[in-house]
Amino acid sequence: MIRLALLLTGAAALRARWFALMAAGVAACGLGLLILLDTSDGATVVATYTFG
């Protein structure tokens, strides 16, 4: 689905906004890492029912 959205957006728009896309990717990776580290200590802050 992401590939389709990028294809439909076009290369010119992606070149103009590459920094925002990179920042969103880094933020998503950081959030995933924080959630992973949160679950590894045994006392979770993020509720497990949030993710199913």
Protein backbone atom coordinates (compact mmCIF):
# COMPACT_ATOMS: atom_id res chain seq x y z
CA MET A 1 0.00 0.00 0.00
CA ILE A 2 2.88 2.35 0.75
CA ARG A 3 4.44 1.58 -2.63
CA LEU A 4 1.19 2.45 -4.36
CA ALA A 5 0.88 5.73 -2.46
CA LEU A 6 4.46 6.65 -3.37
CA LEU A 7 3.87 5.74 -6.99
CA LEU A 8 0.70 7.80 -7.20
CA THR A 9 2.33 10.77 -5.46
CA GLY A 10 5.07 11.00 -8.04
CA ALA A 11 8.82 11.37 -8.01
CA ALA A 12 8.88 15.17 -8.06
CA ALA A 13 6.77 15.42 -4.92
CA LEU A 14 8.88 12.81 -3.16
CA ARG A 15 12.11 14.58 -4.04
CA ALA A 16 10.73 17.81 -2.63
CA ARG A 17 9.66 16.15 0.64
CA TRP A 18 12.39 13.57 1.20
CA PHE A 19 13.40 15.07 4.53
CA ALA A 20 9.87 14.82 5.96
CA LEU A 21 9.57 11.21 4.81
CA MET A 22 12.93 10.37 6.37
CA ALA A 23 11.95 12.09 9.62
CA ALA A 24 8.68 10.13 9.74
CA GLY A 25 10.57 6.87 9.19
CA VAL A 26 13.10 7.65 11.91
CA ALA A 27 10.29 8.61 14.30
CA ALA A 28 8.44 5.35 13.58
CA CYS A 29 11.60 3.32 14.17
CA GLY A 30 12.26 5.21 17.39
CA LEU A 31 8.73 4.58 18.63
CA GLY A 32 9.06 0.89 17.82
CA LEU A 33 12.35 0.70 19.67
CA LEU A 34 10.88 2.43 22.72
CA ILE A 35 7.94 0.01 22.79
CA LEU A 36 10.31 -2.94 22.45
CA LEU A 37 12.49 -1.70 25.29
CA ASP A 38 9.42 -1.01 27.41
CA THR A 39 8.25 -4.60 27.13
CA SER A 40 11.65 -6.11 27.86
CA ASP A 41 11.89 -4.91 31.48
CA GLY A 42 8.81 -6.74 32.77
CA ALA A 43 6.92 -3.66 33.96
CA THR A 44 5.21 -2.29 30.90
CA VAL A 45 4.03 1.27 30.59
CA VAL A 46 2.33 0.70 27.23
CA ALA A 47 -0.68 -1.52 27.82
CA THR A 48 -0.47 -4.83 25.98
CA TYR A 49 -4.16 -4.73 25.01
CA THR A 50 -3.39 -1.67 22.86
CA PHE A 51 -1.66 -3.89 20.28
CA GLY A 52 -4.01 -6.84 20.44
